[in-house]
All heavy atoms as atom14 arrays in JSON, in Angstrom:
{
  "sequence": "SGFPLTAPVEQRELNGQTVYAVDGGNLLICLNVPIEETTLRVLIE",
  "atom14_mask": [
    [1, 1, 1, 1, 1, 1, 0, 0, 0, 0, 0, 0, 0, 0],
    [1, 1, 1, 1, 0, 0, 0, 0, 0, 0, 0, 0, 0, 0],
    [1, 1, 1, 1, 1, 1, 1, 1, 1, 1, 1, 0, 0, 0],
    [1, 1, 1, 1, 1, 1, 1, 0, 0, 0, 0, 0, 0, 0],
    [1, 1, 1, 1, 1, 1, 1, 1, 0, 0, 0, 0, 0, 0],
    [1, 1, 1, 1, 1, 1, 1, 0, 0, 0, 0, 0, 0, 0],
    [1, 1, 1, 1, 1, 0, 0, 0, 0, 0, 0, 0, 0, 0],
    [1, 1, 1, 1, 1, 1, 1, 0, 0, 0, 0, 0, 0, 0],
    [1, 1, 1, 1, 1, 1, 1, 0, 0, 0, 0, 0, 0, 0],
    [1, 1, 1, 1, 1, 1, 1, 1, 1, 0, 0, 0, 0, 0],
    [1, 1, 1, 1, 1, 1, 1, 1, 1, 0, 0, 0, 0, 0],
    [1, 1, 1, 1, 1, 1, 1, 1, 1, 1, 1, 0, 0, 0],
    [1, 1, 1, 1, 1, 1, 1, 1, 1, 0, 0, 0, 0, 0],
    [1, 1, 1, 1, 1, 1, 1, 1, 0, 0, 0, 0, 0, 0],
    [1, 1, 1, 1, 1, 1, 1, 1, 0, 0, 0, 0, 0, 0],
    [1, 1, 1, 1, 0, 0, 0, 0, 0, 0, 0, 0, 0, 0],
    [1, 1, 1, 1, 1, 1, 1, 1, 1, 0, 0, 0, 0, 0],
    [1, 1, 1, 1, 1, 1, 1, 0, 0, 0, 0, 0, 0, 0],
    [1, 1, 1, 1, 1, 1, 1, 0, 0, 0, 0, 0, 0, 0],
    [1, 1, 1, 1, 1, 1, 1, 1, 1, 1, 1, 1, 0, 0],
    [1, 1, 1, 1, 1, 0, 0, 0, 0, 0, 0, 0, 0, 0],
    [1, 1, 1, 1, 1, 1, 1, 0, 0, 0, 0, 0, 0, 0],
    [1, 1, 1, 1, 1, 1, 1, 1, 0, 0, 0, 0, 0, 0],
    [1, 1, 1, 1, 0, 0, 0, 0, 0, 0, 0, 0, 0, 0],
    [1, 1, 1, 1, 0, 0, 0, 0, 0, 0, 0, 0, 0, 0],
    [1, 1, 1, 1, 1, 1, 1, 1, 0, 0, 0, 0, 0, 0],
    [1, 1, 1, 1, 1, 1, 1, 1, 0, 0, 0, 0, 0, 0],
    [1, 1, 1, 1, 1, 1, 1, 1, 0, 0, 0, 0, 0, 0],
    [1, 1, 1, 1, 1, 1, 1, 1, 0, 0, 0, 0, 0, 0],
    [1, 1, 1, 1, 1, 1, 0, 0, 0, 0, 0, 0, 0, 0],
    [1, 1, 1, 1, 1, 1, 1, 1, 0, 0, 0, 0, 0, 0],
    [1, 1, 1, 1, 1, 1, 1, 1, 0, 0, 0, 0, 0, 0],
    [1, 1, 1, 1, 1, 1, 1, 0, 0, 0, 0, 0, 0, 0],
    [1, 1, 1, 1, 1, 1, 1, 0, 0, 0, 0, 0, 0, 0],
    [1, 1, 1, 1, 1, 1, 1, 1, 0, 0, 0, 0, 0, 0],
    [1, 1, 1, 1, 1, 1, 1, 1, 1, 0, 0, 0, 0, 0],
    [1, 1, 1, 1, 1, 1, 1, 1, 1, 0, 0, 0, 0, 0],
    [1, 1, 1, 1, 1, 1, 1, 0, 0, 0, 0, 0, 0, 0],
    [1, 1, 1, 1, 1, 1, 1, 0, 0, 0, 0, 0, 0, 0],
    [1, 1, 1, 1, 1, 1, 1, 1, 0, 0, 0, 0, 0, 0],
    [1, 1, 1, 1, 1, 1, 1, 1, 1, 1, 1, 0, 0, 0],
    [1, 1, 1, 1, 1, 1, 1, 0, 0, 0, 0, 0, 0, 0],
    [1, 1, 1, 1, 1, 1, 1, 1, 0, 0, 0, 0, 0, 0],
    [1, 1, 1, 1, 1, 1, 1, 1, 0, 0, 0, 0, 0, 0],
    [1, 1, 1, 1, 1, 1, 1, 1, 1, 0, 0, 0, 0, 0]
  ],
  "atom14_positions": [
    [[97.37, 90.61, 94.8], [98.6, 90.89, 94.04], [98.34, 91.8, 92.84], [99.24, 92.07, 92.07], [99.23, 89.58, 93.56], [99.64, 88.8, 94.65], [0.0, 0.0, 0.0], [0.0, 0.0, 0.0], [0.0, 0.0, 0.0], [0.0, 0.0, 0.0], [0.0, 0.0, 0.0], [0.0, 0.0, 0.0], [0.0, 0.0, 0.0], [0.0, 0.0, 0.0]],
    [[97.08, 92.22, 92.67], [96.76, 93.15, 91.6], [96.36, 92.5, 90.29], [96.24, 93.19, 89.28], [0.0, 0.0, 0.0], [0.0, 0.0, 0.0], [0.0, 0.0, 0.0], [0.0, 0.0, 0.0], [0.0, 0.0, 0.0], [0.0, 0.0, 0.0], [0.0, 0.0, 0.0], [0.0, 0.0, 0.0], [0.0, 0.0, 0.0], [0.0, 0.0, 0.0]],
    [[96.12, 91.2, 90.3], [95.7, 90.51, 89.08], [94.18, 90.4, 89.04], [93.55, 90.21, 90.08], [96.3, 89.1, 89.0], [97.77, 89.09, 88.74], [98.69, 89.06, 89.78], [98.24, 89.11, 87.44], [100.04, 89.05, 89.54], [99.61, 89.1, 87.18], [100.5, 89.07, 88.23], [0.0, 0.0, 0.0], [0.0, 0.0, 0.0], [0.0, 0.0, 0.0]],
    [[93.58, 90.45, 87.85], [92.13, 90.24, 87.76], [91.82, 88.75, 87.88], [92.7, 87.9, 87.7], [91.79, 90.76, 86.36], [93.04, 90.55, 85.57], [94.18, 90.78, 86.56], [0.0, 0.0, 0.0], [0.0, 0.0, 0.0], [0.0, 0.0, 0.0], [0.0, 0.0, 0.0], [0.0, 0.0, 0.0], [0.0, 0.0, 0.0], [0.0, 0.0, 0.0]],
    [[90.58, 88.44, 88.18], [90.17, 87.04, 88.28], [90.3, 86.31, 86.95], [90.3, 85.09, 86.91], [88.73, 86.95, 88.79], [88.52, 87.38, 90.24], [87.05, 87.36, 90.6], [89.31, 86.49, 91.19], [0.0, 0.0, 0.0], [0.0, 0.0, 0.0], [0.0, 0.0, 0.0], [0.0, 0.0, 0.0], [0.0, 0.0, 0.0], [0.0, 0.0, 0.0]],
    [[90.41, 87.06, 85.87], [90.55, 86.46, 84.54], [92.01, 86.23, 84.14], [92.27, 85.8, 83.02], [89.87, 87.36, 83.48], [90.47, 88.67, 83.55], [88.38, 87.45, 83.72], [0.0, 0.0, 0.0], [0.0, 0.0, 0.0], [0.0, 0.0, 0.0], [0.0, 0.0, 0.0], [0.0, 0.0, 0.0], [0.0, 0.0, 0.0], [0.0, 0.0, 0.0]],
    [[92.94, 86.51, 85.04], [94.36, 86.3, 84.73], [94.61, 84.83, 84.43], [94.06, 83.95, 85.09], [95.23, 86.75, 85.9], [0.0, 0.0, 0.0], [0.0, 0.0, 0.0], [0.0, 0.0, 0.0], [0.0, 0.0, 0.0], [0.0, 0.0, 0.0], [0.0, 0.0, 0.0], [0.0, 0.0, 0.0], [0.0, 0.0, 0.0], [0.0, 0.0, 0.0]],
    [[95.45, 84.56, 83.43], [95.74, 83.16, 83.11], [96.53, 82.49, 84.22], [97.56, 83.0, 84.66], [96.56, 83.25, 81.82], [97.11, 84.63, 81.8], [96.16, 85.49, 82.57], [0.0, 0.0, 0.0], [0.0, 0.0, 0.0], [0.0, 0.0, 0.0], [0.0, 0.0, 0.0], [0.0, 0.0, 0.0], [0.0, 0.0, 0.0], [0.0, 0.0, 0.0]],
    [[96.01, 81.34, 84.69], [96.66, 80.58, 85.76], [96.88, 79.16, 85.26], [95.95, 78.51, 84.79], [95.79, 80.55, 87.04], [96.46, 79.7, 88.12], [95.53, 81.95, 87.55], [0.0, 0.0, 0.0], [0.0, 0.0, 0.0], [0.0, 0.0, 0.0], [0.0, 0.0, 0.0], [0.0, 0.0, 0.0], [0.0, 0.0, 0.0], [0.0, 0.0, 0.0]],
    [[98.11, 78.71, 85.36], [98.46, 77.36, 84.94], [98.94, 76.57, 86.15], [99.79, 77.05, 86.91], [99.58, 77.42, 83.89], [100.09, 76.09, 83.45], [101.33, 76.22, 82.56], [101.64, 77.33, 82.1], [102.0, 75.19, 82.37], [0.0, 0.0, 0.0], [0.0, 0.0, 0.0], [0.0, 0.0, 0.0], [0.0, 0.0, 0.0], [0.0, 0.0, 0.0]],
    [[98.37, 75.39, 86.35], [98.8, 74.53, 87.46], [99.97, 73.68, 86.98], [99.88, 73.03, 85.95], [97.65, 73.65, 87.93], [98.0, 72.81, 89.13], [96.8, 72.06, 89.67], [95.69, 72.57, 89.67], [97.03, 70.84, 90.11], [0.0, 0.0, 0.0], [0.0, 0.0, 0.0], [0.0, 0.0, 0.0], [0.0, 0.0, 0.0], [0.0, 0.0, 0.0]],
    [[101.06, 73.7, 87.73], [102.26, 72.93, 87.39], [102.65, 72.04, 88.55], [102.35, 72.35, 89.7], [103.44, 73.86, 87.08], [103.23, 74.8, 85.93], [104.44, 75.69, 85.74], [104.24, 76.65, 84.66], [105.09, 77.62, 84.38], [106.19, 77.78, 85.09], [104.84, 78.44, 83.38], [0.0, 0.0, 0.0], [0.0, 0.0, 0.0], [0.0, 0.0, 0.0]],
    [[103.33, 70.97, 88.24], [103.91, 70.12, 89.27], [105.42, 70.33, 89.24], [106.07, 70.08, 88.22], [103.59, 68.64, 89.02], [102.14, 68.28, 89.22], [101.68, 68.41, 90.66], [102.43, 68.02, 91.58], [100.57, 68.93, 90.86], [0.0, 0.0, 0.0], [0.0, 0.0, 0.0], [0.0, 0.0, 0.0], [0.0, 0.0, 0.0], [0.0, 0.0, 0.0]],
    [[105.97, 70.85, 90.32], [107.41, 71.04, 90.44], [107.88, 70.27, 91.67], [107.39, 70.5, 92.77], [107.76, 72.53, 90.6], [107.38, 73.47, 89.46], [107.74, 74.9, 89.8], [108.07, 73.06, 88.17], [0.0, 0.0, 0.0], [0.0, 0.0, 0.0], [0.0, 0.0, 0.0], [0.0, 0.0, 0.0], [0.0, 0.0, 0.0], [0.0, 0.0, 0.0]],
    [[108.78, 69.33, 91.44], [109.31, 68.54, 92.54], [108.2, 67.81, 93.3], [108.25, 67.66, 94.51], [110.13, 69.43, 93.48], [110.96, 68.63, 94.45], [111.67, 67.72, 94.04], [110.86, 68.95, 95.73], [0.0, 0.0, 0.0], [0.0, 0.0, 0.0], [0.0, 0.0, 0.0], [0.0, 0.0, 0.0], [0.0, 0.0, 0.0], [0.0, 0.0, 0.0]],
    [[107.15, 67.43, 92.58], [106.03, 66.7, 93.2], [105.07, 67.57, 93.99], [104.2, 67.06, 94.68], [0.0, 0.0, 0.0], [0.0, 0.0, 0.0], [0.0, 0.0, 0.0], [0.0, 0.0, 0.0], [0.0, 0.0, 0.0], [0.0, 0.0, 0.0], [0.0, 0.0, 0.0], [0.0, 0.0, 0.0], [0.0, 0.0, 0.0], [0.0, 0.0, 0.0]],
    [[105.21, 68.89, 93.92], [104.32, 69.8, 94.62], [103.64, 70.72, 93.62], [104.21, 71.05, 92.58], [105.08, 70.61, 95.67], [105.64, 69.73, 96.79], [106.09, 70.52, 97.98], [106.95, 71.38, 97.87], [105.51, 70.22, 99.13], [0.0, 0.0, 0.0], [0.0, 0.0, 0.0], [0.0, 0.0, 0.0], [0.0, 0.0, 0.0], [0.0, 0.0, 0.0]],
    [[102.42, 71.11, 93.94], [101.64, 71.94, 93.04], [102.05, 73.4, 93.16], [102.16, 73.94, 94.25], [100.13, 71.82, 93.37], [99.76, 70.44, 93.25], [99.29, 72.65, 92.43], [0.0, 0.0, 0.0], [0.0, 0.0, 0.0], [0.0, 0.0, 0.0], [0.0, 0.0, 0.0], [0.0, 0.0, 0.0], [0.0, 0.0, 0.0], [0.0, 0.0, 0.0]],
    [[102.27, 74.01, 92.0], [102.63, 75.42, 91.92], [101.71, 76.04, 90.87], [101.46, 75.44, 89.83], [104.1, 75.6, 91.52], [104.44, 77.07, 91.29], [105.01, 75.0, 92.58], [0.0, 0.0, 0.0], [0.0, 0.0, 0.0], [0.0, 0.0, 0.0], [0.0, 0.0, 0.0], [0.0, 0.0, 0.0], [0.0, 0.0, 0.0], [0.0, 0.0, 0.0]],
    [[101.22, 77.23, 91.14], [100.38, 77.95, 90.2], [101.2, 79.04, 89.54], [101.79, 79.88, 90.21], [99.16, 78.55, 90.92], [98.31, 77.49, 91.57], [98.47, 77.18, 92.91], [97.38, 76.78, 90.83], [97.7, 76.19, 93.51], [96.61, 75.79, 91.42], [96.77, 75.5, 92.76], [96.02, 74.51, 93.35], [0.0, 0.0, 0.0], [0.0, 0.0, 0.0]],
    [[101.25, 78.99, 88.2], [101.98, 79.99, 87.42], [100.96, 80.99, 86.88], [100.02, 80.62, 86.19], [102.73, 79.33, 86.29], [0.0, 0.0, 0.0], [0.0, 0.0, 0.0], [0.0, 0.0, 0.0], [0.0, 0.0, 0.0], [0.0, 0.0, 0.0], [0.0, 0.0, 0.0], [0.0, 0.0, 0.0], [0.0, 0.0, 0.0], [0.0, 0.0, 0.0]],
    [[101.15, 82.25, 87.22], [100.25, 83.32, 86.82], [100.97, 84.2, 85.82], [102.17, 84.47, 85.97], [99.81, 84.15, 88.05], [98.82, 85.22, 87.65], [99.23, 83.25, 89.13], [0.0, 0.0, 0.0], [0.0, 0.0, 0.0], [0.0, 0.0, 0.0], [0.0, 0.0, 0.0], [0.0, 0.0, 0.0], [0.0, 0.0, 0.0], [0.0, 0.0, 0.0]],
    [[100.23, 84.65, 84.81], [100.79, 85.6, 83.84], [102.04, 85.03, 83.17], [103.08, 85.68, 83.13], [101.07, 86.94, 84.53], [101.4, 88.05, 83.55], [100.88, 88.02, 82.41], [102.17, 88.95, 83.92], [0.0, 0.0, 0.0], [0.0, 0.0, 0.0], [0.0, 0.0, 0.0], [0.0, 0.0, 0.0], [0.0, 0.0, 0.0], [0.0, 0.0, 0.0]],
    [[101.92, 83.81, 82.68], [103.04, 83.19, 81.97], [104.21, 82.82, 82.84], [105.33, 82.64, 82.36], [0.0, 0.0, 0.0], [0.0, 0.0, 0.0], [0.0, 0.0, 0.0], [0.0, 0.0, 0.0], [0.0, 0.0, 0.0], [0.0, 0.0, 0.0], [0.0, 0.0, 0.0], [0.0, 0.0, 0.0], [0.0, 0.0, 0.0], [0.0, 0.0, 0.0]],
    [[104.0, 82.7, 84.14], [105.07, 82.33, 85.06], [105.78, 83.5, 85.71], [106.76, 83.31, 86.43], [0.0, 0.0, 0.0], [0.0, 0.0, 0.0], [0.0, 0.0, 0.0], [0.0, 0.0, 0.0], [0.0, 0.0, 0.0], [0.0, 0.0, 0.0], [0.0, 0.0, 0.0], [0.0, 0.0, 0.0], [0.0, 0.0, 0.0], [0.0, 0.0, 0.0]],
    [[105.29, 84.72, 85.48], [105.89, 85.89, 86.14], [105.64, 85.87, 87.64], [106.44, 86.4, 88.41], [105.37, 87.18, 85.54], [105.93, 87.41, 84.15], [107.09, 87.13, 83.89], [105.1, 87.92, 83.26], [0.0, 0.0, 0.0], [0.0, 0.0, 0.0], [0.0, 0.0, 0.0], [0.0, 0.0, 0.0], [0.0, 0.0, 0.0], [0.0, 0.0, 0.0]],
    [[104.53, 85.28, 88.05], [104.2, 85.1, 89.46], [103.99, 83.61, 89.69], [103.21, 82.97, 88.97], [102.94, 85.86, 89.85], [102.34, 85.56, 91.22], [103.3, 85.94, 92.35], [101.01, 86.27, 91.39], [0.0, 0.0, 0.0], [0.0, 0.0, 0.0], [0.0, 0.0, 0.0], [0.0, 0.0, 0.0], [0.0, 0.0, 0.0], [0.0, 0.0, 0.0]],
    [[104.7, 83.04, 90.65], [104.51, 81.65, 91.05], [103.96, 81.63, 92.46], [104.48, 82.31, 93.35], [105.83, 80.87, 90.98], [106.47, 80.76, 89.6], [107.79, 79.99, 89.7], [105.54, 80.07, 88.61], [0.0, 0.0, 0.0], [0.0, 0.0, 0.0], [0.0, 0.0, 0.0], [0.0, 0.0, 0.0], [0.0, 0.0, 0.0], [0.0, 0.0, 0.0]],
    [[102.89, 80.85, 92.66], [102.25, 80.73, 93.96], [102.29, 79.27, 94.38], [101.81, 78.4, 93.64], [100.8, 81.23, 93.93], [100.75, 82.71, 93.52], [100.13, 81.01, 95.28], [99.34, 83.25, 93.32], [0.0, 0.0, 0.0], [0.0, 0.0, 0.0], [0.0, 0.0, 0.0], [0.0, 0.0, 0.0], [0.0, 0.0, 0.0], [0.0, 0.0, 0.0]],
    [[102.85, 79.0, 95.55], [102.91, 77.64, 96.08], [102.14, 77.62, 97.4], [102.46, 78.37, 98.32], [104.35, 77.22, 96.29], [104.49, 75.48, 96.75], [0.0, 0.0, 0.0], [0.0, 0.0, 0.0], [0.0, 0.0, 0.0], [0.0, 0.0, 0.0], [0.0, 0.0, 0.0], [0.0, 0.0, 0.0], [0.0, 0.0, 0.0], [0.0, 0.0, 0.0]],
    [[101.11, 76.77, 97.46], [100.26, 76.7, 98.65], [100.46, 75.42, 99.45], [99.67, 75.1, 100.32], [98.78, 76.82, 98.22], [98.43, 78.08, 97.44], [96.98, 78.03, 96.97], [98.7, 79.32, 98.26], [0.0, 0.0, 0.0], [0.0, 0.0, 0.0], [0.0, 0.0, 0.0], [0.0, 0.0, 0.0], [0.0, 0.0, 0.0], [0.0, 0.0, 0.0]],
    [[101.53, 74.68, 99.16], [101.79, 73.42, 99.85], [102.26, 73.66, 101.27], [103.05, 74.56, 101.53], [102.87, 72.63, 99.1], [102.4, 72.17, 97.75], [101.56, 71.3, 97.67], [102.91, 72.78, 96.7], [0.0, 0.0, 0.0], [0.0, 0.0, 0.0], [0.0, 0.0, 0.0], [0.0, 0.0, 0.0], [0.0, 0.0, 0.0], [0.0, 0.0, 0.0]],
    [[101.78, 72.84, 102.19], [102.24, 72.85, 103.58], [102.54, 71.41, 103.94], [101.65, 70.58, 103.93], [101.16, 73.41, 104.53], [101.63, 73.33, 105.98], [100.8, 74.84, 104.17], [0.0, 0.0, 0.0], [0.0, 0.0, 0.0], [0.0, 0.0, 0.0], [0.0, 0.0, 0.0], [0.0, 0.0, 0.0], [0.0, 0.0, 0.0], [0.0, 0.0, 0.0]],
    [[103.78, 71.09, 104.19], [104.98, 71.93, 104.15], [105.48, 72.06, 102.71], [105.11, 71.27, 101.83], [105.98, 71.16, 104.99], [105.63, 69.72, 104.75], [104.12, 69.72, 104.63], [0.0, 0.0, 0.0], [0.0, 0.0, 0.0], [0.0, 0.0, 0.0], [0.0, 0.0, 0.0], [0.0, 0.0, 0.0], [0.0, 0.0, 0.0], [0.0, 0.0, 0.0]],
    [[106.32, 73.03, 102.5], [106.98, 73.18, 101.21], [108.38, 72.6, 101.34], [109.05, 72.8, 102.35], [107.02, 74.65, 100.75], [107.49, 74.74, 99.3], [107.85, 75.51, 101.68], [107.27, 76.09, 98.67], [0.0, 0.0, 0.0], [0.0, 0.0, 0.0], [0.0, 0.0, 0.0], [0.0, 0.0, 0.0], [0.0, 0.0, 0.0], [0.0, 0.0, 0.0]],
    [[108.77, 71.85, 100.34], [110.09, 71.22, 100.36], [111.17, 72.23, 99.96], [110.94, 73.07, 99.09], [110.12, 70.02, 99.4], [109.08, 68.96, 99.71], [109.36, 68.23, 101.0], [110.55, 68.05, 101.34], [108.4, 67.84, 101.67], [0.0, 0.0, 0.0], [0.0, 0.0, 0.0], [0.0, 0.0, 0.0], [0.0, 0.0, 0.0], [0.0, 0.0, 0.0]],
    [[112.32, 72.11, 100.56], [113.43, 73.0, 100.21], [113.8, 72.86, 98.74], [114.09, 73.86, 98.07], [114.64, 72.7, 101.1], [115.81, 73.61, 100.86], [116.95, 73.39, 101.84], [116.8, 72.59, 102.79], [118.01, 74.02, 101.65], [0.0, 0.0, 0.0], [0.0, 0.0, 0.0], [0.0, 0.0, 0.0], [0.0, 0.0, 0.0], [0.0, 0.0, 0.0]],
    [[113.76, 71.63, 98.22], [114.07, 71.43, 96.8], [113.05, 72.11, 95.9], [113.4, 72.61, 94.84], [114.19, 69.94, 96.46], [113.03, 69.25, 96.94], [115.43, 69.32, 97.08], [0.0, 0.0, 0.0], [0.0, 0.0, 0.0], [0.0, 0.0, 0.0], [0.0, 0.0, 0.0], [0.0, 0.0, 0.0], [0.0, 0.0, 0.0], [0.0, 0.0, 0.0]],
    [[111.8, 72.17, 96.33], [110.77, 72.87, 95.56], [111.09, 74.36, 95.51], [110.97, 74.99, 94.46], [109.38, 72.65, 96.17], [109.08, 71.25, 96.19], [108.3, 73.39, 95.39], [0.0, 0.0, 0.0], [0.0, 0.0, 0.0], [0.0, 0.0, 0.0], [0.0, 0.0, 0.0], [0.0, 0.0, 0.0], [0.0, 0.0, 0.0], [0.0, 0.0, 0.0]],
    [[111.52, 74.92, 96.61], [111.9, 76.33, 96.65], [113.05, 76.62, 95.7], [113.06, 77.62, 95.0], [112.25, 76.75, 98.07], [111.07, 76.78, 99.04], [111.56, 76.77, 100.48], [110.19, 77.97, 98.76], [0.0, 0.0, 0.0], [0.0, 0.0, 0.0], [0.0, 0.0, 0.0], [0.0, 0.0, 0.0], [0.0, 0.0, 0.0], [0.0, 0.0, 0.0]],
    [[113.99, 75.72, 95.63], [115.13, 75.9, 94.72], [114.68, 75.81, 93.26], [115.17, 76.54, 92.41], [116.22, 74.89, 95.03], [116.78, 75.1, 96.43], [118.08, 74.39, 96.66], [118.44, 74.36, 98.07], [118.77, 75.39, 98.81], [118.74, 76.58, 98.29], [119.1, 75.25, 100.08], [0.0, 0.0, 0.0], [0.0, 0.0, 0.0], [0.0, 0.0, 0.0]],
    [[113.74, 74.91, 92.98], [113.19, 74.8, 91.62], [112.42, 76.07, 91.27], [112.48, 76.53, 90.12], [112.3, 73.54, 91.49], [111.57, 73.52, 90.16], [113.14, 72.27, 91.64], [0.0, 0.0, 0.0], [0.0, 0.0, 0.0], [0.0, 0.0, 0.0], [0.0, 0.0, 0.0], [0.0, 0.0, 0.0], [0.0, 0.0, 0.0], [0.0, 0.0, 0.0]],
    [[111.72, 76.66, 92.23], [111.02, 77.92, 91.98], [112.02, 79.0, 91.56], [111.76, 79.77, 90.64], [110.26, 78.38, 93.22], [109.02, 77.58, 93.61], [108.47, 78.08, 94.95], [107.97, 77.67, 92.54], [0.0, 0.0, 0.0], [0.0, 0.0, 0.0], [0.0, 0.0, 0.0], [0.0, 0.0, 0.0], [0.0, 0.0, 0.0], [0.0, 0.0, 0.0]],
    [[113.15, 79.06, 92.22], [114.19, 80.04, 91.88], [114.69, 79.8, 90.46], [114.88, 80.74, 89.69], [115.34, 80.0, 92.9], [114.86, 80.48, 94.27], [116.53, 80.85, 92.43], [115.83, 80.25, 95.4], [0.0, 0.0, 0.0], [0.0, 0.0, 0.0], [0.0, 0.0, 0.0], [0.0, 0.0, 0.0], [0.0, 0.0, 0.0], [0.0, 0.0, 0.0]],
    [[114.88, 78.54, 90.09], [115.36, 78.2, 88.75], [114.38, 78.63, 87.65], [114.8, 78.85, 86.52], [115.61, 76.7, 88.65], [116.78, 76.21, 89.47], [116.88, 74.7, 89.52], [116.08, 74.01, 88.83], [117.75, 74.2, 90.25], [0.0, 0.0, 0.0], [0.0, 0.0, 0.0], [0.0, 0.0, 0.0], [0.0, 0.0, 0.0], [0.0, 0.0, 0.0]]
  ]
}
C-alpha cells in the first residue's frame, strides 16, 4: 500500500474483531475470516 515498515500501526477492537489502523486511521486493515457485516459497517463509520 506504499507505507514504510515504520508506519504507525494501532491495533483496535471493533465489534469484537481486530482491525489495524495505519497512519492515524487513514487506512484500516481487517484480517478476520469471516468478517462480520456489523464490523464492516463500523469500519465505514
